[in-house]
C-alpha atoms as a PDB file:
ATOM      1  CA  MET A   1      -0.025  -0.095   0.057  1.00  0.00           C
ATOM      2  CA  HIS A   2       1.171   3.465  -0.886  1.00  0.00           C
ATOM      3  CA  LYS A   3       0.126   6.293   1.218  1.00  0.00           C
ATOM      4  CA  SER A   4      -1.183   9.435  -0.538  1.00  0.00           C
ATOM      5  CA  ARG A   5       0.794  12.348  -1.001  1.00  0.00           C
ATOM      6  CA  LEU A   6      -1.218  14.616   1.461  1.00  0.00           C
ATOM      7  CA  SER A   7      -0.523  12.138   4.331  1.00  0.00           C
ATOM      8  CA  GLN A   8       3.510  12.449   4.268  1.00  0.00           C
ATOM      9  CA  LYS A   9       4.836  14.965   6.225  1.00  0.00           C
ATOM     10  CA  GLY A  10       7.471  17.513   5.600  1.00  0.00           C
ATOM     11  CA  PHE A  11       8.217  20.107   3.013  1.00  0.00           C
ATOM     12  CA  THR A  12       9.134  20.108  -0.505  1.00  0.00           C
ATOM     13  CA  LEU A  13      11.939  21.202  -1.915  1.00  0.00           C
ATOM     14  CA  ALA A  14      10.176  23.962  -4.047  1.00  0.00           C
ATOM     15  CA  GLU A  15       8.783  25.014  -0.329  1.00  0.00           C
ATOM     16  CA  ILE A  16      12.192  25.212   1.183  1.00  0.00           C
ATOM     17  CA  LEU A  17      13.827  26.823  -1.806  1.00  0.00           C
ATOM     18  CA  ILE A  18      11.117  29.624  -1.726  1.00  0.00           C
ATOM     19  CA  ALA A  19      11.194  30.235   2.178  1.00  0.00           C
ATOM     20  CA  MET A  20      15.120  30.390   2.827  1.00  0.00           C
ATOM     21  CA  PRO A  21      15.441  33.855   1.205  1.00  0.00           C
ATOM     22  CA  ILE A  22      12.317  35.337   2.882  1.00  0.00           C
ATOM     23  CA  LEU A  23      13.936  33.636   6.080  1.00  0.00           C
ATOM     24  CA  LEU A  24      17.329  34.993   5.277  1.00  0.00           C
ATOM     25  CA  LEU A  25      15.655  38.761   4.532  1.00  0.00           C
ATOM     26  CA  MET A  26      13.706  38.692   7.627  1.00  0.00           C
ATOM     27  CA  VAL A  27      16.920  37.779   9.894  1.00  0.00           C
ATOM     28  CA  GLY A  28      19.194  40.337   8.175  1.00  0.00           C
ATOM     29  CA  ALA A  29      16.631  42.867   8.790  1.00  0.00           C
ATOM     30  CA  ILE A  30      16.213  41.957  12.256  1.00  0.00           C
ATOM     31  CA  ALA A  31      20.156  42.145  12.882  1.00  0.00           C
ATOM     32  CA  GLY A  32      20.318  45.726  10.994  1.00  0.00           C
ATOM     33  CA  ILE A  33      17.638  47.076  13.294  1.00  0.00           C
ATOM     34  CA  TYR A  34      19.364  45.703  16.434  1.00  0.00           C
ATOM     35  CA  LEU A  35      22.821  47.087  15.604  1.00  0.00           C
ATOM     36  CA  THR A  36      20.808  50.408  14.823  1.00  0.00           C
ATOM     37  CA  PHE A  37      19.432  50.629  18.115  1.00  0.00           C
ATOM     38  CA  ILE A  38      22.923  49.307  19.601  1.00  0.00           C
ATOM     39  CA  THR A  39      24.585  52.240  17.894  1.00  0.00           C
ATOM     40  CA  ALA A  40      22.102  54.761  18.672  1.00  0.00           C
ATOM     41  CA  TRP A  41      22.515  53.707  22.866  1.00  0.00           C
ATOM     42  CA  GLN A  42      25.955  53.814  22.770  1.00  0.00           C
ATOM     43  CA  GLU A  43      25.954  57.281  21.228  1.00  0.00           C
ATOM     44  CA  ASP A  44      23.273  58.482  23.629  1.00  0.00           C
ATOM     45  CA  SER A  45      25.187  57.161  26.721  1.00  0.00           C
ATOM     46  CA  ASN A  46      28.430  59.059  25.530  1.00  0.00           C
ATOM     47  CA  GLN A  47      26.567  62.285  25.055  1.00  0.00           C
ATOM     48  CA  ILE A  48      24.793  61.747  28.572  1.00  0.00           C
ATOM     49  CA  ALA A  49      28.414  61.331  29.983  1.00  0.00           C
ATOM     50  CA  LEU A  50      29.874  64.195  28.419  1.00  0.00           C
ATOM     51  CA  GLN A  51      26.440  66.332  29.864  1.00  0.00           C
ATOM     52  CA  MET A  52      27.047  65.122  33.350  1.00  0.00           C
ATOM     53  CA  LYS A  53      30.874  65.917  33.217  1.00  0.00           C
ATOM     54  CA  ALA A  54      30.131  69.374  31.867  1.00  0.00           C
ATOM     55  CA  SER A  55      27.121  70.364  34.511  1.00  0.00           C
ATOM     56  CA  SER A  56      29.462  68.726  37.225  1.00  0.00           C
ATOM     57  CA  ALA A  57      32.360  71.077  35.898  1.00  0.00           C
ATOM     58  CA  ILE A  58      30.306  74.251  35.998  1.00  0.00           C
ATOM     59  CA  GLU A  59      28.622  73.399  39.168  1.00  0.00           C
ATOM     60  CA  LYS A  60      31.893  73.077  40.709  1.00  0.00           C
ATOM     61  CA  MET A  61      32.939  76.688  39.197  1.00  0.00           C
ATOM     62  CA  VAL A  62      29.510  78.282  40.444  1.00  0.00           C
ATOM     63  CA  ARG A  63      29.210  76.744  43.793  1.00  0.00           C
ATOM     64  CA  GLY A  64      32.898  76.021  44.654  1.00  0.00           C
ATOM     65  CA  VAL A  65      35.050  72.422  44.569  1.00  0.00           C
ATOM     66  CA  GLY A  66      33.982  72.234  48.295  1.00  0.00           C
ATOM     67  CA  GLY A  67      30.481  73.523  48.059  1.00  0.00           C
ATOM     68  CA  SER A  68      31.536  77.027  48.910  1.00  0.00           C
ATOM     69  CA  GLY A  69      33.903  79.871  47.441  1.00  0.00           C
ATOM     70  CA  GLY A  70      32.163  79.230  44.049  1.00  0.00           C
ATOM     71  CA  ILE A  71      32.035  82.226  41.523  1.00  0.00           C
ATOM     72  CA  ARG A  72      28.511  83.436  42.759  1.00  0.00           C
ATOM     73  CA  GLU A  73      30.236  84.112  46.133  1.00  0.00           C
ATOM     74  CA  ALA A  74      32.903  86.545  44.115  1.00  0.00           C
ATOM     75  CA  LYS A  75      33.137  89.971  45.629  1.00  0.00           C
ATOM     76  CA  SER A  76      32.251  92.737  42.781  1.00  0.00           C
ATOM     77  CA  GLY A  77      35.441  94.339  41.809  1.00  0.00           C
ATOM     78  CA  THR A  78      37.717  91.487  42.193  1.00  0.00           C
ATOM     79  CA  VAL A  79      36.694  89.215  38.963  1.00  0.00           C
ATOM     80  CA  THR A  80      39.454  89.224  36.562  1.00  0.00           C
ATOM     81  CA  VAL A  81      38.981  87.345  33.280  1.00  0.00           C
ATOM     82  CA  THR A  82      42.200  86.905  31.500  1.00  0.00           C
ATOM     83  CA  GLY A  83      41.782  86.232  27.437  1.00  0.00           C
ATOM     84  CA  SER A  84      38.597  84.321  28.096  1.00  0.00           C
ATOM     85  CA  THR A  85      40.448  80.937  29.552  1.00  0.00           C
ATOM     86  CA  MET A  86      41.069  82.351  33.059  1.00  0.00           C
ATOM     87  CA  ILE A  87      38.995  83.552  35.619  1.00  0.00           C
ATOM     88  CA  GLN A  88      40.394  84.951  39.064  1.00  0.00           C
ATOM     89  CA  TYR A  89      38.448  86.066  41.933  1.00  0.00           C
ATOM     90  CA  THR A  90      38.277  86.817  45.820  1.00  0.00           C
ATOM     91  CA  ASP A  91      35.179  85.245  47.377  1.00  0.00           C
ATOM     92  CA  ILE A  92      33.500  86.573  50.302  1.00  0.00           C
ATOM     93  CA  ASN A  93      35.908  84.893  52.917  1.00  0.00           C
ATOM     94  CA  ASP A  94      38.894  86.650  51.184  1.00  0.00           C
ATOM     95  CA  THR A  95      40.210  83.366  49.507  1.00  0.00           C
ATOM     96  CA  VAL A  96      41.765  84.091  46.109  1.00  0.00           C
ATOM     97  CA  HIS A  97      40.289  81.454  43.515  1.00  0.00           C
ATOM     98  CA  LYS A  98      41.530  80.640  39.815  1.00  0.00           C
ATOM     99  CA  TYR A  99      39.940  78.452  37.046  1.00  0.00           C
ATOM    100  CA  TYR A 100      41.867  78.006  34.211  1.00  0.00           C
ATOM    101  CA  LEU A 101      42.284  76.450  30.802  1.00  0.00           C
ATOM    102  CA  ASP A 102      45.316  74.384  30.326  1.00  0.00           C
ATOM    103  CA  ALA A 103      45.127  73.956  26.349  1.00  0.00           C
ATOM    104  CA  ASN A 104      48.051  71.192  26.331  1.00  0.00           C
ATOM    105  CA  THR A 105      46.206  68.803  28.359  1.00  0.00           C
ATOM    106  CA  LYS A 106      42.799  70.206  27.615  1.00  0.00           C
ATOM    107  CA  ARG A 107      41.786  70.258  31.113  1.00  0.00           C
ATOM    108  CA  VAL A 108      40.011  73.040  33.498  1.00  0.00           C
ATOM    109  CA  TYR A 109      41.807  73.276  36.564  1.00  0.00           C
ATOM    110  CA  HIS A 110      40.793  75.032  39.752  1.00  0.00           C
ATOM    111  CA  ASP A 111      43.456  76.611  41.998  1.00  0.00           C
ATOM    112  CA  ASP A 112      42.781  77.999  45.363  1.00  0.00           C
ATOM    113  CA  LEU A 113      45.622  80.183  45.374  1.00  0.00           C
ATOM    114  CA  SER A 114      45.737  80.530  49.730  1.00  0.00           C
ATOM    115  CA  ASP A 115      45.644  77.073  50.210  1.00  0.00           C
ATOM    116  CA  GLY A 116      49.462  75.983  48.733  1.00  0.00           C
ATOM    117  CA  GLN A 117      47.767  72.718  47.224  1.00  0.00           C
ATOM    118  CA  SER A 118      48.202  71.777  43.961  1.00  0.00           C
ATOM    119  CA  PRO A 119      45.631  72.810  41.252  1.00  0.00           C
ATOM    120  CA  TYR A 120      42.200  70.599  41.242  1.00  0.00           C
ATOM    121  CA  MET A 121      41.133  69.142  37.734  1.00  0.00           C
ATOM    122  CA  ILE A 122      37.653  69.917  37.498  1.00  0.00           C
ATOM    123  CA  ALA A 123      36.930  68.688  34.086  1.00  0.00           C
ATOM    124  CA  ASP A 124      38.957  67.099  31.146  1.00  0.00           C
ATOM    125  CA  ASN A 125      38.111  65.836  27.596  1.00  0.00           C
ATOM    126  CA  LEU A 126      37.608  69.349  26.398  1.00  0.00           C
ATOM    127  CA  ARG A 127      37.447  70.165  22.409  1.00  0.00           C
ATOM    128  CA  ALA A 128      41.094  70.761  20.865  1.00  0.00           C
ATOM    129  CA  TYR A 129      41.396  74.322  21.866  1.00  0.00           C
ATOM    130  CA  ASP A 130      41.307  76.694  18.866  1.00  0.00           C
ATOM    131  CA  ALA A 131      40.854  80.387  19.208  1.00  0.00           C
ATOM    132  CA  THR A 132      38.634  80.223  16.057  1.00  0.00           C
ATOM    133  CA  ASP A 133      35.876  77.971  18.168  1.00  0.00           C
ATOM    134  CA  ASP A 134      32.419  79.176  18.425  1.00  0.00           C
ATOM    135  CA  PRO A 135      31.962  79.082  21.054  1.00  0.00           C
ATOM    136  CA  PRO A 136      35.601  78.036  22.407  1.00  0.00           C
ATOM    137  CA  SER A 137      35.749  74.730  24.598  1.00  0.00           C
ATOM    138  CA  PHE A 138      36.496  76.693  27.532  1.00  0.00           C
ATOM    139  CA  TYR A 139      35.081  80.560  27.703  1.00  0.00           C
ATOM    140  CA  VAL A 140      34.279  82.990  30.406  1.00  0.00           C
ATOM    141  CA  ASP A 141      33.126  86.136  30.045  1.00  0.00           C
ATOM    142  CA  GLU A 142      32.091  89.037  32.766  1.00  0.00           C
ATOM    143  CA  ASN A 143      29.888  91.868  32.202  1.00  0.00           C
ATOM    144  CA  ASN A 144      28.503  94.283  34.823  1.00  0.00           C
ATOM    145  CA  GLY A 145      28.463  91.487  37.578  1.00  0.00           C
ATOM    146  CA  LEU A 146      27.457  88.824  35.071  1.00  0.00           C
ATOM    147  CA  ILE A 147      29.586  85.716  34.347  1.00  0.00           C
ATOM    148  CA  THR A 148      28.994  83.584  31.407  1.00  0.00           C
ATOM    149  CA  ILE A 149      30.985  80.387  31.511  1.00  0.00           C
ATOM    150  CA  ASN A 150      31.047  77.864  28.698  1.00  0.00           C
ATOM    151  CA  ILE A 151      32.556  74.111  28.203  1.00  0.00           C
ATOM    152  CA  GLY A 152      33.112  72.095  25.458  1.00  0.00           C
ATOM    153  CA  LEU A 153      33.785  68.729  25.841  1.00  0.00           C
ATOM    154  CA  GLU A 154      34.476  65.946  23.585  1.00  0.00           C
ATOM    155  CA  GLY A 155      34.243  62.313  23.088  1.00  0.00           C
ATOM    156  CA  SER A 156      34.331  59.326  20.786  1.00  0.00           C
ATOM    157  CA  ASN A 157      32.448  56.156  20.123  1.00  0.00           C
ATOM    158  CA  ARG A 158      33.783  53.116  18.621  1.00  0.00           C
ATOM    159  CA  ARG A 159      31.617  51.783  15.859  1.00  0.00           C
ATOM    160  CA  SER A 160      32.354  49.187  13.020  1.00  0.00           C
ATOM    161  CA  ASP A 161      32.551  51.983  10.688  1.00  0.00           C
ATOM    162  CA  GLY A 162      35.327  53.957  12.537  1.00  0.00           C
ATOM    163  CA  LEU A 163      35.087  56.615  15.404  1.00  0.00           C
ATOM    164  CA  LYS A 164      32.322  59.112  15.793  1.00  0.00           C
ATOM    165  CA  ASP A 165      32.909  62.079  17.749  1.00  0.00           C
ATOM    166  CA  THR A 166      30.784  63.400  20.276  1.00  0.00           C
ATOM    167  CA  ASN A 167      30.512  67.070  21.254  1.00  0.00           C
ATOM    168  CA  ILE A 168      28.533  68.844  24.164  1.00  0.00           C
ATOM    169  CA  ASP A 169      28.760  72.423  24.956  1.00  0.00           C
ATOM    170  CA  TYR A 170      27.425  73.717  28.419  1.00  0.00           C
ATOM    171  CA  THR A 171      26.629  77.284  29.094  1.00  0.00           C
ATOM    172  CA  THR A 172      25.601  78.953  32.356  1.00  0.00           C
ATOM    173  CA  GLN A 173      25.239  82.805  33.421  1.00  0.00           C
ATOM    174  CA  VAL A 174      26.053  83.803  37.014  1.00  0.00           C
ATOM    175  CA  TYR A 175      25.134  87.066  38.767  1.00  0.00           C
ATOM    176  CA  LEU A 176      27.565  88.004  41.405  1.00  0.00           C
ATOM    177  CA  ARG A 177      25.986  88.465  44.930  1.00  0.00           C
ATOM    178  CA  ASN A 178      28.299  91.193  46.423  1.00  0.00           C
END
């Protein structure tokens, strides 16, 4: 007795030849979507990390490295901005502070000139400093008691097609209290 073709289990060669390319297209599309999402997630994570660094650096400058003595506590008339990359001032406790950009290391430092200690780094990964940057990677300006601070940071993401740079600029303005 021969079994009829309808009762046999399995796929025919023609069905497999049609199904395989469709399956491969679906797997390729899913893999492409997955890689796109992973790349976007990595770029967003790097951008968030840079924003947090810039925010922290600005916060340290405004409020002070130890929570006091920041720019917002500078005495009027004691603020000196040099070349837009350095600010020096005396706070309400008569402590002299200086924040400055070291263009060679691409870092911003705080120097409490009265404590005799080494300068404290508050930001790194600044964009390579160039006088033509708009805005520059680190910029300080004082105008009638209003201080504007800008920090520009850079980071890189490793991708299959090479490195992709991520840049972030963070700006704030502070009115002097005194």
